[in-house]
């Protein structure tokens, strides 16, 4: 994917009543509200880089209704690619062909995920990151989850890794312990 370069301008689509603290656009960048970024920095969290201001050029509603009362200032950030790798033996991932063979990237086409775990000793302690083997997913620390709850940040759904279910083809869980289909 191409990297998003300045100037950072966005058009937002509002689905509910108010805009959230977290927006995941296409690509690997994230939009975080200024309120979120300030608290993130003050409390010394790790794993995000960039923090560039974003100009919101337009907000349109998905459905009819009043315009939002407040449009937060957003910053574009990138979650680091951490050293943590998906534990291929203990995760419940159904691969399209074969499980990953590259120890570094641990990447292979996935058809379904029924929970995953990180390989012990590979996590470097980041509070938010993208793990090897699931770079399209964000993983957060328990400390980060408590931070989100404590501050009431919106537009974030946190699911324990072992409970994550993604199965767009409705194939069901993988048959064996390694997840090989």
C-alpha atoms as a PDB file:
ATOM      1  CA  UNK A   1       0.000   0.000   0.000  1.00  0.00           C
ATOM      2  CA  UNK A   2       1.064   3.528  -0.589  1.00  0.00           C
ATOM      3  CA  UNK A   3       1.988   5.709   2.339  1.00  0.00           C
ATOM      4  CA  UNK A   4      -0.342   8.622   3.084  1.00  0.00           C
ATOM      5  CA  UNK A   5       1.677  11.818   2.657  1.00  0.00           C
ATOM      6  CA  UNK A   6       0.917  15.410   3.702  1.00  0.00           C
ATOM      7  CA  UNK A   7      -1.175  17.420   3.438  1.00  0.00           C
ATOM      8  CA  UNK A   8      -3.476  15.224   5.517  1.00  0.00           C
ATOM      9  CA  UNK A   9      -7.065  16.028   4.546  1.00  0.00           C
ATOM     10  CA  UNK A  10     -10.139  13.882   5.104  1.00  0.00           C
ATOM     11  CA  UNK A  11     -13.837  13.728   4.401  1.00  0.00           C
ATOM     12  CA  UNK A  12     -15.627  11.885   7.186  1.00  0.00           C
ATOM     13  CA  UNK A  13     -18.886   9.959   7.043  1.00  0.00           C
ATOM     14  CA  UNK A  14     -20.910  10.101  10.260  1.00  0.00           C
ATOM     15  CA  UNK A  15     -22.882   6.915  10.982  1.00  0.00           C
ATOM     16  CA  UNK A  16     -24.190   7.781  14.457  1.00  0.00           C
ATOM     17  CA  UNK A  17     -24.793  10.921  16.478  1.00  0.00           C
ATOM     18  CA  UNK A  18     -21.191  12.051  17.072  1.00  0.00           C
ATOM     19  CA  UNK A  19     -17.745  11.426  15.637  1.00  0.00           C
ATOM     20  CA  UNK A  20     -15.565   8.999  17.601  1.00  0.00           C
ATOM     21  CA  UNK A  21     -12.102   9.204  19.125  1.00  0.00           C
ATOM     22  CA  UNK A  22     -10.807   6.463  16.812  1.00  0.00           C
ATOM     23  CA  UNK A  23     -11.223   6.128  13.042  1.00  0.00           C
ATOM     24  CA  UNK A  24      -9.597   3.404  10.958  1.00  0.00           C
ATOM     25  CA  UNK A  25      -9.507   4.595   7.343  1.00  0.00           C
ATOM     26  CA  UNK A  26      -8.160   2.504   4.477  1.00  0.00           C
ATOM     27  CA  UNK A  27      -4.471   1.690   4.688  1.00  0.00           C
ATOM     28  CA  UNK A  28      -2.494   1.280   7.876  1.00  0.00           C
ATOM     29  CA  UNK A  29      -2.863   4.801   9.258  1.00  0.00           C
ATOM     30  CA  UNK A  30      -5.293   5.607  12.043  1.00  0.00           C
ATOM     31  CA  UNK A  31      -7.093   8.805  12.990  1.00  0.00           C
ATOM     32  CA  UNK A  32      -7.124   9.597  16.695  1.00  0.00           C
ATOM     33  CA  UNK A  33      -8.877  12.516  18.340  1.00  0.00           C
ATOM     34  CA  UNK A  34      -6.766  15.195  19.972  1.00  0.00           C
ATOM     35  CA  UNK A  35      -8.358  14.201  23.296  1.00  0.00           C
ATOM     36  CA  UNK A  36      -7.122  10.631  22.843  1.00  0.00           C
ATOM     37  CA  UNK A  37      -3.613  11.704  21.768  1.00  0.00           C
ATOM     38  CA  UNK A  38      -3.216  14.067  24.714  1.00  0.00           C
ATOM     39  CA  UNK A  39      -4.137  11.347  27.226  1.00  0.00           C
ATOM     40  CA  UNK A  40      -1.993   8.769  25.380  1.00  0.00           C
ATOM     41  CA  UNK A  41       1.061  11.009  25.639  1.00  0.00           C
ATOM     42  CA  UNK A  42       0.411  12.158  29.225  1.00  0.00           C
ATOM     43  CA  UNK A  43       0.148   8.585  30.478  1.00  0.00           C
ATOM     44  CA  UNK A  44       3.268   7.415  28.628  1.00  0.00           C
ATOM     45  CA  UNK A  45       1.776   4.830  26.301  1.00  0.00           C
ATOM     46  CA  UNK A  46       3.801   3.343  23.445  1.00  0.00           C
ATOM     47  CA  UNK A  47       3.236   1.889  19.997  1.00  0.00           C
ATOM     48  CA  UNK A  48       1.934   4.835  17.968  1.00  0.00           C
ATOM     49  CA  UNK A  49       4.044   7.042  15.704  1.00  0.00           C
ATOM     50  CA  UNK A  50       3.463  10.138  13.584  1.00  0.00           C
ATOM     51  CA  UNK A  51       0.931  12.380  15.329  1.00  0.00           C
ATOM     52  CA  UNK A  52       0.387  14.696  12.341  1.00  0.00           C
ATOM     53  CA  UNK A  53      -2.619  17.093  12.332  1.00  0.00           C
ATOM     54  CA  UNK A  54      -5.442  16.296   9.931  1.00  0.00           C
ATOM     55  CA  UNK A  55      -7.725  18.806   8.246  1.00  0.00           C
ATOM     56  CA  UNK A  56     -11.355  17.671   8.193  1.00  0.00           C
ATOM     57  CA  UNK A  57     -12.630  19.257   4.988  1.00  0.00           C
ATOM     58  CA  UNK A  58     -16.154  17.825   5.143  1.00  0.00           C
ATOM     59  CA  UNK A  59     -18.430  15.743   7.353  1.00  0.00           C
ATOM     60  CA  UNK A  60     -21.453  14.111   5.774  1.00  0.00           C
ATOM     61  CA  UNK A  61     -24.056  11.924   7.402  1.00  0.00           C
ATOM     62  CA  UNK A  62     -24.742   8.375   6.321  1.00  0.00           C
ATOM     63  CA  UNK A  63     -28.402   8.883   7.215  1.00  0.00           C
ATOM     64  CA  UNK A  64     -30.551  11.975   7.560  1.00  0.00           C
ATOM     65  CA  UNK A  65     -30.179  13.924  10.745  1.00  0.00           C
ATOM     66  CA  UNK A  66     -28.558  16.982  12.255  1.00  0.00           C
ATOM     67  CA  UNK A  67     -24.936  17.818  11.661  1.00  0.00           C
ATOM     68  CA  UNK A  68     -22.591  16.824  14.492  1.00  0.00           C
ATOM     69  CA  UNK A  69     -22.434  19.329  17.324  1.00  0.00           C
ATOM     70  CA  UNK A  70     -18.654  19.043  17.486  1.00  0.00           C
ATOM     71  CA  UNK A  71     -15.964  17.958  15.017  1.00  0.00           C
ATOM     72  CA  UNK A  72     -12.872  16.932  16.973  1.00  0.00           C
ATOM     73  CA  UNK A  73      -9.364  17.768  15.829  1.00  0.00           C
ATOM     74  CA  UNK A  74      -7.788  14.543  14.540  1.00  0.00           C
ATOM     75  CA  UNK A  75      -4.208  13.418  14.196  1.00  0.00           C
ATOM     76  CA  UNK A  76      -2.973  10.710  11.851  1.00  0.00           C
ATOM     77  CA  UNK A  77      -0.882   8.033  13.544  1.00  0.00           C
ATOM     78  CA  UNK A  78       0.614   4.691  12.601  1.00  0.00           C
ATOM     79  CA  UNK A  79       0.706   1.661  14.867  1.00  0.00           C
ATOM     80  CA  UNK A  80       4.150   0.063  15.019  1.00  0.00           C
ATOM     81  CA  UNK A  81       4.832  -3.358  13.629  1.00  0.00           C
ATOM     82  CA  UNK A  82       5.917  -5.087  16.788  1.00  0.00           C
ATOM     83  CA  UNK A  83       8.228  -7.974  17.355  1.00  0.00           C
ATOM     84  CA  UNK A  84       5.364 -10.033  18.736  1.00  0.00           C
ATOM     85  CA  UNK A  85       4.463 -12.922  16.493  1.00  0.00           C
ATOM     86  CA  UNK A  86       1.346 -15.036  16.302  1.00  0.00           C
ATOM     87  CA  UNK A  87       1.890 -18.425  17.937  1.00  0.00           C
ATOM     88  CA  UNK A  88       1.101 -20.722  15.024  1.00  0.00           C
ATOM     89  CA  UNK A  89       0.772 -23.839  17.186  1.00  0.00           C
ATOM     90  CA  UNK A  90      -1.656 -22.384  19.753  1.00  0.00           C
ATOM     91  CA  UNK A  91      -3.733 -20.050  17.552  1.00  0.00           C
ATOM     92  CA  UNK A  92      -6.991 -21.119  15.905  1.00  0.00           C
ATOM     93  CA  UNK A  93      -6.452 -19.771  12.382  1.00  0.00           C
ATOM     94  CA  UNK A  94      -7.749 -21.476   9.237  1.00  0.00           C
ATOM     95  CA  UNK A  95      -5.303 -20.851   6.396  1.00  0.00           C
ATOM     96  CA  UNK A  96      -6.360 -20.962   2.733  1.00  0.00           C
ATOM     97  CA  UNK A  97      -3.513 -23.246   1.701  1.00  0.00           C
ATOM     98  CA  UNK A  98      -0.637 -23.863   4.065  1.00  0.00           C
ATOM     99  CA  UNK A  99       0.322 -22.194   7.348  1.00  0.00           C
ATOM    100  CA  UNK A 100       3.090 -19.595   7.087  1.00  0.00           C
ATOM    101  CA  UNK A 101       6.578 -20.849   6.330  1.00  0.00           C
ATOM    102  CA  UNK A 102       8.436 -17.559   6.872  1.00  0.00           C
ATOM    103  CA  UNK A 103       9.363 -17.284  10.548  1.00  0.00           C
ATOM    104  CA  UNK A 104       9.885 -13.520  10.264  1.00  0.00           C
ATOM    105  CA  UNK A 105       6.602 -12.318   8.689  1.00  0.00           C
ATOM    106  CA  UNK A 106       4.429 -15.354   9.537  1.00  0.00           C
ATOM    107  CA  UNK A 107       2.117 -14.251   6.773  1.00  0.00           C
ATOM    108  CA  UNK A 108      -0.201 -16.503   4.760  1.00  0.00           C
ATOM    109  CA  UNK A 109      -3.716 -16.162   3.373  1.00  0.00           C
ATOM    110  CA  UNK A 110      -6.275 -16.637   6.133  1.00  0.00           C
ATOM    111  CA  UNK A 111      -9.846 -17.819   5.648  1.00  0.00           C
ATOM    112  CA  UNK A 112     -10.926 -17.647   9.299  1.00  0.00           C
ATOM    113  CA  UNK A 113      -9.711 -16.739  12.765  1.00  0.00           C
ATOM    114  CA  UNK A 114     -11.156 -18.323  15.897  1.00  0.00           C
ATOM    115  CA  UNK A 115      -8.867 -16.778  18.468  1.00  0.00           C
ATOM    116  CA  UNK A 116      -5.133 -16.337  18.506  1.00  0.00           C
ATOM    117  CA  UNK A 117      -2.294 -15.982  20.936  1.00  0.00           C
ATOM    118  CA  UNK A 118       1.137 -14.439  20.732  1.00  0.00           C
ATOM    119  CA  UNK A 119       4.268 -16.537  20.941  1.00  0.00           C
ATOM    120  CA  UNK A 120       5.790 -16.208  24.419  1.00  0.00           C
ATOM    121  CA  UNK A 121       8.886 -14.037  24.544  1.00  0.00           C
ATOM    122  CA  UNK A 122       8.195 -12.123  21.304  1.00  0.00           C
ATOM    123  CA  UNK A 123       6.204  -9.170  22.673  1.00  0.00           C
ATOM    124  CA  UNK A 124       8.367  -6.109  23.377  1.00  0.00           C
ATOM    125  CA  UNK A 125       5.857  -4.397  25.692  1.00  0.00           C
ATOM    126  CA  UNK A 126       4.197  -1.941  23.277  1.00  0.00           C
ATOM    127  CA  UNK A 127       0.729  -0.823  24.316  1.00  0.00           C
ATOM    128  CA  UNK A 128      -0.646  -0.940  20.758  1.00  0.00           C
ATOM    129  CA  UNK A 129       0.945  -2.722  17.767  1.00  0.00           C
ATOM    130  CA  UNK A 130       0.478  -4.915  14.718  1.00  0.00           C
ATOM    131  CA  UNK A 131       1.751  -8.464  15.295  1.00  0.00           C
ATOM    132  CA  UNK A 132       3.714 -10.553  12.833  1.00  0.00           C
ATOM    133  CA  UNK A 133       1.261 -12.924  11.179  1.00  0.00           C
ATOM    134  CA  UNK A 134      -1.753 -10.610  11.563  1.00  0.00           C
ATOM    135  CA  UNK A 135      -0.469  -7.221  10.399  1.00  0.00           C
ATOM    136  CA  UNK A 136      -3.993  -6.133   9.484  1.00  0.00           C
ATOM    137  CA  UNK A 137      -5.040  -6.386  13.143  1.00  0.00           C
ATOM    138  CA  UNK A 138      -4.282  -4.069  16.025  1.00  0.00           C
ATOM    139  CA  UNK A 139      -3.362  -5.659  19.338  1.00  0.00           C
ATOM    140  CA  UNK A 140      -3.379  -3.709  22.574  1.00  0.00           C
ATOM    141  CA  UNK A 141      -2.063  -4.371  26.072  1.00  0.00           C
ATOM    142  CA  UNK A 142      -4.372  -4.889  29.049  1.00  0.00           C
ATOM    143  CA  UNK A 143      -3.103  -1.553  30.350  1.00  0.00           C
ATOM    144  CA  UNK A 144      -4.292   0.088  27.101  1.00  0.00           C
ATOM    145  CA  UNK A 145      -7.712  -1.573  27.391  1.00  0.00           C
ATOM    146  CA  UNK A 146      -8.118  -0.142  30.920  1.00  0.00           C
ATOM    147  CA  UNK A 147      -6.994   3.272  29.584  1.00  0.00           C
ATOM    148  CA  UNK A 148      -9.717   3.229  26.889  1.00  0.00           C
ATOM    149  CA  UNK A 149     -12.374   2.266  29.429  1.00  0.00           C
ATOM    150  CA  UNK A 150     -11.222   4.781  32.044  1.00  0.00           C
ATOM    151  CA  UNK A 151     -11.338   7.707  29.591  1.00  0.00           C
ATOM    152  CA  UNK A 152     -14.495   6.569  27.784  1.00  0.00           C
ATOM    153  CA  UNK A 153     -12.926   6.751  24.332  1.00  0.00           C
ATOM    154  CA  UNK A 154     -15.417   6.048  21.584  1.00  0.00           C
ATOM    155  CA  UNK A 155     -15.520   4.055  18.366  1.00  0.00           C
ATOM    156  CA  UNK A 156     -13.245   1.308  19.717  1.00  0.00           C
ATOM    157  CA  UNK A 157     -14.289  -2.283  20.257  1.00  0.00           C
ATOM    158  CA  UNK A 158     -11.718  -4.292  22.170  1.00  0.00           C
ATOM    159  CA  UNK A 159     -11.941  -8.088  22.008  1.00  0.00           C
ATOM    160  CA  UNK A 160      -9.591 -10.462  23.856  1.00  0.00           C
ATOM    161  CA  UNK A 161      -7.324 -12.153  21.300  1.00  0.00           C
ATOM    162  CA  UNK A 162      -8.465 -15.622  22.290  1.00  0.00           C
ATOM    163  CA  UNK A 163     -12.110 -14.610  21.642  1.00  0.00           C
ATOM    164  CA  UNK A 164     -11.624 -12.904  18.263  1.00  0.00           C
ATOM    165  CA  UNK A 165     -13.777 -14.507  15.568  1.00  0.00           C
ATOM    166  CA  UNK A 166     -13.444 -13.542  11.911  1.00  0.00           C
ATOM    167  CA  UNK A 167     -15.002 -15.989   9.471  1.00  0.00           C
ATOM    168  CA  UNK A 168     -16.409 -14.231   6.385  1.00  0.00           C
ATOM    169  CA  UNK A 169     -16.830 -17.518   4.461  1.00  0.00           C
ATOM    170  CA  UNK A 170     -18.513 -19.252   7.434  1.00  0.00           C
ATOM    171  CA  UNK A 171     -16.061 -22.170   7.309  1.00  0.00           C
ATOM    172  CA  UNK A 172     -16.015 -22.746  11.043  1.00  0.00           C
ATOM    173  CA  UNK A 173     -13.007 -23.249  13.279  1.00  0.00           C
ATOM    174  CA  UNK A 174      -9.959 -25.034  11.934  1.00  0.00           C
ATOM    175  CA  UNK A 175      -9.979 -28.804  12.389  1.00  0.00           C
ATOM    176  CA  UNK A 176      -6.592 -29.281  14.031  1.00  0.00           C
ATOM    177  CA  UNK A 177      -4.551 -27.560  16.728  1.00  0.00           C
ATOM    178  CA  UNK A 178      -2.312 -25.754  14.185  1.00  0.00           C
ATOM    179  CA  UNK A 179      -5.171 -24.285  12.193  1.00  0.00           C
ATOM    180  CA  UNK A 180      -4.145 -25.930   8.938  1.00  0.00           C
ATOM    181  CA  UNK A 181      -7.194 -26.572   6.802  1.00  0.00           C
END
